[in-house]
Amino acid sequence: MKRIGIAASHIAKDDLVLYNVFVILLSCLLSLFIFLVSAFTVAAGMALTSWATRGFMAIDPGAMLVKVSLAGLAAATGLINLTAIMVNIKFKR
């Protein structure tokens, strides 16, 4: 999480408003990347489990298990994102 602040400070070059914008931008991009990788892993795991237990029947994307899993993953990723923003944001120098 500290590396987000380091990268933002290198990009912003002593501009506090720009630093805060880049902290938010970088943490959101990192959270999106983490969510996409994790969601693909969860979906692939569910598909492989479904394939191994029932043959080639795929899990219905509208199934409650998929919705709950991805909602929980989104909530965890959002909390990590908010923590990263709160750790790195600055109000005064």
PDB file of N, CA and C in Angstrom:
ATOM      1  N   MET A   1       0.809  -1.186   0.000  1.00  0.00           N
ATOM      2  CA  MET A   1       0.000   0.000   0.000  1.00  0.00           C
ATOM      3  C   MET A   1       0.858   1.259   0.000  1.00  0.00           C
ATOM      4  N   LYS A   2       1.998   1.197   0.638  1.00  0.00           N
ATOM      5  CA  LYS A   2       2.875   2.369   0.661  1.00  0.00           C
ATOM      6  C   LYS A   2       3.445   2.665  -0.723  1.00  0.00           C
ATOM      7  N   ARG A   3       3.564   1.643  -1.550  1.00  0.00           N
ATOM      8  CA  ARG A   3       4.125   1.856  -2.887  1.00  0.00           C
ATOM      9  C   ARG A   3       3.205   2.698  -3.763  1.00  0.00           C
ATOM     10  N   ILE A   4       1.918   2.682  -3.482  1.00  0.00           N
ATOM     11  CA  ILE A   4       0.992   3.544  -4.206  1.00  0.00           C
ATOM     12  C   ILE A   4       1.351   4.998  -3.935  1.00  0.00           C
ATOM     13  N   GLY A   5       1.614   5.339  -2.681  1.00  0.00           N
ATOM     14  CA  GLY A   5       2.007   6.699  -2.326  1.00  0.00           C
ATOM     15  C   GLY A   5       3.342   7.086  -2.922  1.00  0.00           C
ATOM     16  N   ILE A   6       4.283   6.147  -2.955  1.00  0.00           N
ATOM     17  CA  ILE A   6       5.592   6.430  -3.544  1.00  0.00           C
ATOM     18  C   ILE A   6       5.451   6.712  -5.036  1.00  0.00           C
ATOM     19  N   ALA A   7       4.672   5.870  -5.734  1.00  0.00           N
ATOM     20  CA  ALA A   7       4.476   6.078  -7.172  1.00  0.00           C
ATOM     21  C   ALA A   7       3.738   7.390  -7.435  1.00  0.00           C
ATOM     22  N   ALA A   8       2.740   7.694  -6.622  1.00  0.00           N
ATOM     23  CA  ALA A   8       1.986   8.944  -6.807  1.00  0.00           C
ATOM     24  C   ALA A   8       2.859  10.160  -6.559  1.00  0.00           C
ATOM     25  N   SER A   9       3.756  10.082  -5.578  1.00  0.00           N
ATOM     26  CA  SER A   9       4.625  11.228  -5.311  1.00  0.00           C
ATOM     27  C   SER A   9       5.638  11.437  -6.433  1.00  0.00           C
ATOM     28  N   HIS A  10       6.090  10.364  -7.064  1.00  0.00           N
ATOM     29  CA  HIS A  10       7.006  10.515  -8.200  1.00  0.00           C
ATOM     30  C   HIS A  10       6.291  11.126  -9.408  1.00  0.00           C
ATOM     31  N   ILE A  11       5.037  10.753  -9.599  1.00  0.00           N
ATOM     32  CA  ILE A  11       4.284  11.280 -10.732  1.00  0.00           C
ATOM     33  C   ILE A  11       3.874  12.736 -10.500  1.00  0.00           C
ATOM     34  N   ALA A  12       3.424  13.059  -9.268  1.00  0.00           N
ATOM     35  CA  ALA A  12       2.873  14.383  -8.977  1.00  0.00           C
ATOM     36  C   ALA A  12       3.930  15.470  -8.848  1.00  0.00           C
ATOM     37  N   LYS A  13       5.129  15.137  -8.423  1.00  0.00           N
ATOM     38  CA  LYS A  13       6.236  16.094  -8.291  1.00  0.00           C
ATOM     39  C   LYS A  13       5.851  17.295  -7.421  1.00  0.00           C
ATOM     40  N   ASP A  14       5.572  17.065  -6.135  1.00  0.00           N
ATOM     41  CA  ASP A  14       5.322  18.076  -5.110  1.00  0.00           C
ATOM     42  C   ASP A  14       4.037  18.890  -5.300  1.00  0.00           C
ATOM     43  N   ASP A  15       3.065  18.372  -6.000  1.00  0.00           N
ATOM     44  CA  ASP A  15       1.750  19.006  -6.091  1.00  0.00           C
ATOM     45  C   ASP A  15       0.778  18.159  -5.284  1.00  0.00           C
ATOM     46  N   LEU A  16       0.275  18.718  -4.179  1.00  0.00           N
ATOM     47  CA  LEU A  16      -0.526  17.949  -3.232  1.00  0.00           C
ATOM     48  C   LEU A  16      -1.854  17.477  -3.830  1.00  0.00           C
ATOM     49  N   VAL A  17      -2.529  18.336  -4.588  1.00  0.00           N
ATOM     50  CA  VAL A  17      -3.810  17.954  -5.188  1.00  0.00           C
ATOM     51  C   VAL A  17      -3.600  16.851  -6.220  1.00  0.00           C
ATOM     52  N   LEU A  18      -2.592  17.021  -7.043  1.00  0.00           N
ATOM     53  CA  LEU A  18      -2.281  16.012  -8.050  1.00  0.00           C
ATOM     54  C   LEU A  18      -1.855  14.696  -7.393  1.00  0.00           C
ATOM     55  N   TYR A  19      -1.120  14.794  -6.287  1.00  0.00           N
ATOM     56  CA  TYR A  19      -0.727  13.591  -5.534  1.00  0.00           C
ATOM     57  C   TYR A  19      -1.956  12.822  -5.071  1.00  0.00           C
ATOM     58  N   ASN A  20      -2.927  13.518  -4.488  1.00  0.00           N
ATOM     59  CA  ASN A  20      -4.140  12.861  -4.004  1.00  0.00           C
ATOM     60  C   ASN A  20      -4.945  12.248  -5.142  1.00  0.00           C
ATOM     61  N   VAL A  21      -4.996  12.931  -6.289  1.00  0.00           N
ATOM     62  CA  VAL A  21      -5.699  12.387  -7.454  1.00  0.00           C
ATOM     63  C   VAL A  21      -5.014  11.109  -7.920  1.00  0.00           C
ATOM     64  N   PHE A  22      -3.693  11.109  -7.968  1.00  0.00           N
ATOM     65  CA  PHE A  22      -2.971   9.923  -8.420  1.00  0.00           C
ATOM     66  C   PHE A  22      -3.044   8.786  -7.403  1.00  0.00           C
ATOM     67  N   VAL A  23      -3.117   9.097  -6.124  1.00  0.00           N
ATOM     68  CA  VAL A  23      -3.303   8.047  -5.116  1.00  0.00           C
ATOM     69  C   VAL A  23      -4.633   7.344  -5.348  1.00  0.00           C
ATOM     70  N   ILE A  24      -5.680   8.116  -5.561  1.00  0.00           N
ATOM     71  CA  ILE A  24      -7.001   7.532  -5.797  1.00  0.00           C
ATOM     72  C   ILE A  24      -7.016   6.756  -7.107  1.00  0.00           C
ATOM     73  N   LEU A  25      -6.446   7.329  -8.158  1.00  0.00           N
ATOM     74  CA  LEU A  25      -6.416   6.667  -9.464  1.00  0.00           C
ATOM     75  C   LEU A  25      -5.624   5.359  -9.417  1.00  0.00           C
ATOM     76  N   LEU A  26      -4.432   5.403  -8.846  1.00  0.00           N
ATOM     77  CA  LEU A  26      -3.605   4.195  -8.802  1.00  0.00           C
ATOM     78  C   LEU A  26      -4.216   3.109  -7.921  1.00  0.00           C
ATOM     79  N   SER A  27      -4.812   3.500  -6.799  1.00  0.00           N
ATOM     80  CA  SER A  27      -5.410   2.484  -5.931  1.00  0.00           C
ATOM     81  C   SER A  27      -6.650   1.870  -6.586  1.00  0.00           C
ATOM     82  N   CYS A  28      -7.414   2.666  -7.316  1.00  0.00           N
ATOM     83  CA  CYS A  28      -8.580   2.106  -8.016  1.00  0.00           C
ATOM     84  C   CYS A  28      -8.152   1.169  -9.150  1.00  0.00           C
ATOM     85  N   LEU A  29      -7.121   1.548  -9.880  1.00  0.00           N
ATOM     86  CA  LEU A  29      -6.627   0.673 -10.944  1.00  0.00           C
ATOM     87  C   LEU A  29      -6.069  -0.627 -10.383  1.00  0.00           C
ATOM     88  N   LEU A  30      -5.343  -0.541  -9.282  1.00  0.00           N
ATOM     89  CA  LEU A  30      -4.807  -1.744  -8.655  1.00  0.00           C
ATOM     90  C   LEU A  30      -5.930  -2.626  -8.124  1.00  0.00           C
ATOM     91  N   SER A  31      -6.943  -2.033  -7.533  1.00  0.00           N
ATOM     92  CA  SER A  31      -8.079  -2.804  -7.026  1.00  0.00           C
ATOM     93  C   SER A  31      -8.846  -3.468  -8.163  1.00  0.00           C
ATOM     94  N   LEU A  32      -9.005  -2.764  -9.271  1.00  0.00           N
ATOM     95  CA  LEU A  32      -9.671  -3.356 -10.428  1.00  0.00           C
ATOM     96  C   LEU A  32      -8.892  -4.551 -10.951  1.00  0.00           C
ATOM     97  N   PHE A  33      -7.580  -4.424 -11.038  1.00  0.00           N
ATOM     98  CA  PHE A  33      -6.739  -5.527 -11.485  1.00  0.00           C
ATOM     99  C   PHE A  33      -6.844  -6.722 -10.538  1.00  0.00           C
ATOM    100  N   ILE A  34      -6.777  -6.451  -9.238  1.00  0.00           N
ATOM    101  CA  ILE A  34      -6.883  -7.537  -8.254  1.00  0.00           C
ATOM    102  C   ILE A  34      -8.249  -8.204  -8.342  1.00  0.00           C
ATOM    103  N   PHE A  35      -9.317  -7.406  -8.510  1.00  0.00           N
ATOM    104  CA  PHE A  35     -10.652  -7.980  -8.622  1.00  0.00           C
ATOM    105  C   PHE A  35     -10.785  -8.851  -9.855  1.00  0.00           C
ATOM    106  N   LEU A  36     -10.285  -8.378 -10.997  1.00  0.00           N
ATOM    107  CA  LEU A  36     -10.413  -9.157 -12.226  1.00  0.00           C
ATOM    108  C   LEU A  36      -9.653 -10.475 -12.151  1.00  0.00           C
ATOM    109  N   VAL A  37      -8.449 -10.439 -11.615  1.00  0.00           N
ATOM    110  CA  VAL A  37      -7.673 -11.672 -11.483  1.00  0.00           C
ATOM    111  C   VAL A  37      -8.358 -12.630 -10.511  1.00  0.00           C
ATOM    112  N   SER A  38      -8.819 -12.120  -9.388  1.00  0.00           N
ATOM    113  CA  SER A  38      -9.477 -12.969  -8.392  1.00  0.00           C
ATOM    114  C   SER A  38     -10.812 -13.496  -8.901  1.00  0.00           C
ATOM    115  N   ALA A  39     -11.573 -12.674  -9.598  1.00  0.00           N
ATOM    116  CA  ALA A  39     -12.863 -13.118 -10.128  1.00  0.00           C
ATOM    117  C   ALA A  39     -12.667 -14.207 -11.174  1.00  0.00           C
ATOM    118  N   PHE A  40     -11.644 -14.067 -12.018  1.00  0.00           N
ATOM    119  CA  PHE A  40     -11.356 -15.118 -12.992  1.00  0.00           C
ATOM    120  C   PHE A  40     -10.977 -16.415 -12.289  1.00  0.00           C
ATOM    121  N   THR A  41     -10.203 -16.308 -11.223  1.00  0.00           N
ATOM    122  CA  THR A  41      -9.812 -17.500 -10.474  1.00  0.00           C
ATOM    123  C   THR A  41     -11.019 -18.173  -9.828  1.00  0.00           C
ATOM    124  N   VAL A  42     -11.898 -17.375  -9.243  1.00  0.00           N
ATOM    125  CA  VAL A  42     -13.105 -17.929  -8.619  1.00  0.00           C
ATOM    126  C   VAL A  42     -14.001 -18.576  -9.674  1.00  0.00           C
ATOM    127  N   ALA A  43     -14.202 -17.905 -10.797  1.00  0.00           N
ATOM    128  CA  ALA A  43     -15.050 -18.453 -11.858  1.00  0.00           C
ATOM    129  C   ALA A  43     -14.448 -19.721 -12.457  1.00  0.00           C
ATOM    130  N   ALA A  44     -13.141 -19.726 -12.657  1.00  0.00           N
ATOM    131  CA  ALA A  44     -12.488 -20.920 -13.194  1.00  0.00           C
ATOM    132  C   ALA A  44     -12.568 -22.074 -12.198  1.00  0.00           C
ATOM    133  N   GLY A  45     -12.411 -21.778 -10.923  1.00  0.00           N
ATOM    134  CA  GLY A  45     -12.531 -22.827  -9.908  1.00  0.00           C
ATOM    135  C   GLY A  45     -13.929 -23.408  -9.851  1.00  0.00           C
ATOM    136  N   MET A  46     -14.933 -22.554  -9.953  1.00  0.00           N
ATOM    137  CA  MET A  46     -16.313 -23.051  -9.961  1.00  0.00           C
ATOM    138  C   MET A  46     -16.602 -23.871 -11.215  1.00  0.00           C
ATOM    139  N   ALA A  47     -16.108 -23.406 -12.355  1.00  0.00           N
ATOM    140  CA  ALA A  47     -16.318 -24.144 -13.605  1.00  0.00           C
ATOM    141  C   ALA A  47     -15.621 -25.503 -13.562  1.00  0.00           C
ATOM    142  N   LEU A  48     -14.396 -25.546 -13.061  1.00  0.00           N
ATOM    143  CA  LEU A  48     -13.679 -26.822 -12.961  1.00  0.00           C
ATOM    144  C   LEU A  48     -14.351 -27.764 -11.972  1.00  0.00           C
ATOM    145  N   THR A  49     -14.843 -27.228 -10.877  1.00  0.00           N
ATOM    146  CA  THR A  49     -15.559 -28.057  -9.908  1.00  0.00           C
ATOM    147  C   THR A  49     -16.839 -28.607 -10.518  1.00  0.00           C
ATOM    148  N   SER A  50     -17.562 -27.759 -11.238  1.00  0.00           N
ATOM    149  CA  SER A  50     -18.785 -28.201 -11.903  1.00  0.00           C
ATOM    150  C   SER A  50     -18.480 -29.263 -12.956  1.00  0.00           C
ATOM    151  N   TRP A  51     -17.430 -29.049 -13.711  1.00  0.00           N
ATOM    152  CA  TRP A  51     -17.037 -30.002 -14.747  1.00  0.00           C
ATOM    153  C   TRP A  51     -16.635 -31.337 -14.142  1.00  0.00           C
ATOM    154  N   ALA A  52     -15.911 -31.297 -13.027  1.00  0.00           N
ATOM    155  CA  ALA A  52     -15.444 -32.539 -12.401  1.00  0.00           C
ATOM    156  C   ALA A  52     -16.579 -33.304 -11.734  1.00  0.00           C
ATOM    157  N   THR A  53     -17.591 -32.615 -11.252  1.00  0.00           N
ATOM    158  CA  THR A  53     -18.661 -33.305 -10.540  1.00  0.00           C
ATOM    159  C   THR A  53     -19.832 -33.695 -11.434  1.00  0.00           C
ATOM    160  N   ARG A  54     -20.101 -32.946 -12.492  1.00  0.00           N
ATOM    161  CA  ARG A  54     -21.278 -33.232 -13.317  1.00  0.00           C
ATOM    162  C   ARG A  54     -20.985 -33.403 -14.793  1.00  0.00           C
ATOM    163  N   GLY A  55     -19.780 -33.569 -15.168  1.00  0.00           N
ATOM    164  CA  GLY A  55     -19.474 -33.643 -16.589  1.00  0.00           C
ATOM    165  C   GLY A  55     -19.236 -32.261 -17.142  1.00  0.00           C
ATOM    166  N   PHE A  56     -19.776 -31.999 -18.315  1.00  0.00           N
ATOM    167  CA  PHE A  56     -19.534 -30.711 -18.960  1.00  0.00           C
ATOM    168  C   PHE A  56     -20.620 -29.677 -18.698  1.00  0.00           C
ATOM    169  N   MET A  57     -21.423 -29.868 -17.671  1.00  0.00           N
ATOM    170  CA  MET A  57     -22.453 -28.878 -17.341  1.00  0.00           C
ATOM    171  C   MET A  57     -21.790 -27.660 -16.700  1.00  0.00           C
ATOM    172  N   ALA A  58     -22.015 -26.505 -17.256  1.00  0.00           N
ATOM    173  CA  ALA A  58     -21.434 -25.283 -16.695  1.00  0.00           C
ATOM    174  C   ALA A  58     -22.342 -24.742 -15.590  1.00  0.00           C
ATOM    175  N   ILE A  59     -21.747 -24.007 -14.673  1.00  0.00           N
ATOM    176  CA  ILE A  59     -22.528 -23.350 -13.629  1.00  0.00           C
ATOM    177  C   ILE A  59     -23.273 -22.185 -14.254  1.00  0.00           C
ATOM    178  N   ASP A  60     -24.531 -22.050 -13.927  1.00  0.00           N
ATOM    179  CA  ASP A  60     -25.346 -20.955 -14.427  1.00  0.00           C
ATOM    180  C   ASP A  60     -24.798 -19.633 -13.883  1.00  0.00           C
ATOM    181  N   PRO A  61     -24.463 -18.655 -14.754  1.00  0.00           N
ATOM    182  CA  PRO A  61     -23.913 -17.385 -14.268  1.00  0.00           C
ATOM    183  C   PRO A  61     -24.874 -16.616 -13.354  1.00  0.00           C
ATOM    184  N   GLY A  62     -26.147 -16.929 -13.418  1.00  0.00           N
ATOM    185  CA  GLY A  62     -27.119 -16.269 -12.565  1.00  0.00           C
ATOM    186  C   GLY A  62     -27.325 -16.991 -11.241  1.00  0.00           C
ATOM    187  N   ALA A  63     -26.560 -18.044 -11.001  1.00  0.00           N
ATOM    188  CA  ALA A  63     -26.725 -18.824  -9.777  1.00  0.00           C
ATOM    189  C   ALA A  63     -26.350 -17.983  -8.557  1.00  0.00           C
ATOM    190  N   MET A  64     -26.995 -18.278  -7.452  1.00  0.00           N
ATOM    191  CA  MET A  64     -26.780 -17.503  -6.233  1.00  0.00           C
ATOM    192  C   MET A  64     -25.351 -17.643  -5.725  1.00  0.00           C
ATOM    193  N   LEU A  65     -24.737 -18.807  -5.889  1.00  0.00           N
ATOM    194  CA  LEU A  65     -23.364 -19.020  -5.433  1.00  0.00           C
ATOM    195  C   LEU A  65     -22.394 -18.079  -6.133  1.00  0.00           C
ATOM    196  N   VAL A  66     -22.573 -17.909  -7.422  1.00  0.00           N
ATOM    197  CA  VAL A  66     -21.693 -17.016  -8.188  1.00  0.00           C
ATOM    198  C   VAL A  66     -21.894 -15.568  -7.742  1.00  0.00           C
ATOM    199  N   LYS A  67     -23.147 -15.181  -7.572  1.00  0.00           N
ATOM    200  CA  LYS A  67     -23.435 -13.805  -7.159  1.00  0.00           C
ATOM    201  C   LYS A  67     -22.868 -13.497  -5.783  1.00  0.00           C
ATOM    202  N   VAL A  68     -23.041 -14.411  -4.851  1.00  0.00           N
ATOM    203  CA  VAL A  68     -22.544 -14.187  -3.489  1.00  0.00           C
ATOM    204  C   VAL A  68     -21.021 -14.176  -3.468  1.00  0.00           C
ATOM    205  N   SER A  69     -20.400 -15.077  -4.210  1.00  0.00           N
ATOM    206  CA  SER A  69     -18.930 -15.135  -4.247  1.00  0.00           C
ATOM    207  C   SER A  69     -18.335 -13.851  -4.810  1.00  0.00           C
ATOM    208  N   LEU A  70     -18.877 -13.383  -5.924  1.00  0.00           N
ATOM    209  CA  LEU A  70     -18.338 -12.175  -6.540  1.00  0.00           C
ATOM    210  C   LEU A  70     -18.692 -10.920  -5.748  1.00  0.00           C
ATOM    211  N   ALA A  71     -19.835 -10.920  -5.070  1.00  0.00           N
ATOM    212  CA  ALA A  71     -20.179  -9.772  -4.219  1.00  0.00           C
ATOM    213  C   ALA A  71     -19.245  -9.703  -3.017  1.00  0.00           C
ATOM    214  N   GLY A  72     -18.941 -10.831  -2.419  1.00  0.00           N
ATOM    215  CA  GLY A  72     -17.992 -10.859  -1.308  1.00  0.00           C
ATOM    216  C   GLY A  72     -16.599 -10.452  -1.750  1.00  0.00           C
ATOM    217  N   LEU A  73     -16.210 -10.898  -2.929  1.00  0.00           N
ATOM    218  CA  LEU A  73     -14.908 -10.513  -3.478  1.00  0.00           C
ATOM    219  C   LEU A  73     -14.857  -9.016  -3.755  1.00  0.00           C
ATOM    220  N   ALA A  74     -15.941  -8.455  -4.274  1.00  0.00           N
ATOM    221  CA  ALA A  74     -15.991  -7.015  -4.524  1.00  0.00           C
ATOM    222  C   ALA A  74     -15.931  -6.225  -3.220  1.00  0.00           C
ATOM    223  N   ALA A  75     -16.605  -6.707  -2.197  1.00  0.00           N
ATOM    224  CA  ALA A  75     -16.577  -6.019  -0.902  1.00  0.00           C
ATOM    225  C   ALA A  75     -15.173  -6.055  -0.294  1.00  0.00           C
ATOM    226  N   ALA A  76     -14.505  -7.197  -0.357  1.00  0.00           N
ATOM    227  CA  ALA A  76     -13.149  -7.305   0.184  1.00  0.00           C
ATOM    228  C   ALA A  76     -12.178  -6.420  -0.594  1.00  0.00           C
ATOM    229  N   THR A  77     -12.302  -6.408  -1.908  1.00  0.00           N
ATOM    230  CA  THR A  77     -11.442  -5.563  -2.728  1.00  0.00           C
ATOM    231  C   THR A  77     -11.706  -4.089  -2.456  1.00  0.00           C
ATOM    232  N   GLY A  78     -12.963  -3.721  -2.260  1.00  0.00           N
ATOM    233  CA  GLY A  78     -13.310  -2.336  -1.938  1.00  0.00           C
ATOM    234  C   GLY A  78     -12.742  -1.892  -0.599  1.00  0.00           C
ATOM    235  N   LEU A  79     -12.779  -2.772   0.389  1.00  0.00           N
ATOM    236  CA  LEU A  79     -12.185  -2.438   1.694  1.00  0.00           C
ATOM    237  C   LEU A  79     -10.673  -2.254   1.584  1.00  0.00           C
ATOM    238  N   ILE A  80     -10.032  -3.099   0.811  1.00  0.00           N
ATOM    239  CA  ILE A  80      -8.586  -2.953   0.605  1.00  0.00           C
ATOM    240  C   ILE A  80      -8.294  -1.634  -0.111  1.00  0.00           C
ATOM    241  N   ASN A  81      -9.124  -1.279  -1.083  1.00  0.00           N
ATOM    242  CA  ASN A  81      -8.961  -0.022  -1.811  1.00  0.00           C
ATOM    243  C   ASN A  81      -9.120   1.176  -0.880  1.00  0.00           C
ATOM    244  N   LEU A  82     -10.149   1.168  -0.050  1.00  0.00           N
ATOM    245  CA  LEU A  82     -10.353   2.280   0.892  1.00  0.00           C
ATOM    246  C   LEU A  82      -9.213   2.382   1.900  1.00  0.00           C
ATOM    247  N   THR A  83      -8.705   1.248   2.349  1.00  0.00           N
ATOM    248  CA  THR A  83      -7.567   1.259   3.264  1.00  0.00           C
ATOM    249  C   THR A  83      -6.331   1.861   2.595  1.00  0.00           C
ATOM    250  N   ALA A  84      -6.092   1.481   1.346  1.00  0.00           N
ATOM    251  CA  ALA A  84      -4.936   2.025   0.626  1.00  0.00           C
ATOM    252  C   ALA A  84      -5.066   3.531   0.429  1.00  0.00           C
ATOM    253  N   ILE A  85      -6.263   3.999   0.156  1.00  0.00           N
ATOM    254  CA  ILE A  85      -6.471   5.440  -0.021  1.00  0.00           C
ATOM    255  C   ILE A  85      -6.273   6.171   1.295  1.00  0.00           C
ATOM    256  N   MET A  86      -6.824   5.641   2.370  1.00  0.00           N
ATOM    257  CA  MET A  86      -6.705   6.305   3.678  1.00  0.00           C
ATOM    258  C   MET A  86      -5.253   6.326   4.176  1.00  0.00           C
ATOM    259  N   VAL A  87      -4.492   5.311   3.877  1.00  0.00           N
ATOM    260  CA  VAL A  87      -3.093   5.276   4.306  1.00  0.00           C
ATOM    261  C   VAL A  87      -2.269   6.303   3.538  1.00  0.00           C
ATOM    262  N   ASN A  88      -2.575   6.515   2.272  1.00  0.00           N
ATOM    263  CA  ASN A  88      -1.704   7.321   1.415  1.00  0.00           C
ATOM    264  C   ASN A  88      -2.158   8.752   1.187  1.00  0.00           C
ATOM    265  N   ILE A  89      -3.392   9.096   1.496  1.00  0.00           N
ATOM    266  CA  ILE A  89      -3.858  10.443   1.200  1.00  0.00           C
ATOM    267  C   ILE A  89      -3.274  11.440   2.203  1.00  0.00           C
ATOM    268  N   LYS A  90      -2.964  12.628   1.708  1.00  0.00           N
ATOM    269  CA  LYS A  90      -2.383  13.690   2.545  1.00  0.00           C
ATOM    270  C   LYS A  90      -3.231  14.939   2.436  1.00  0.00           C
ATOM    271  N   PHE A  91      -3.390  15.653   3.555  1.00  0.00           N
ATOM    272  CA  PHE A  91      -4.152  16.886   3.542  1.00  0.00           C
ATOM    273  C   PHE A  91      -3.255  18.114   3.588  1.00  0.00           C
ATOM    274  N   LYS A  92      -2.154  18.035   4.328  1.00  0.00           N
ATOM    275  CA  LYS A  92      -1.198  19.132   4.404  1.00  0.00           C
ATOM    276  C   LYS A  92       0.204  18.543   4.360  1.00  0.00           C
ATOM    277  N   ARG A  93       1.117  19.332   3.898  1.00  0.00           N
ATOM    278  CA  ARG A  93       2.518  18.880   3.849  1.00  0.00           C
ATOM    279  C   ARG A  93       3.180  19.151   5.157  1.00  0.00           C
TER     280      ARG A  93
END
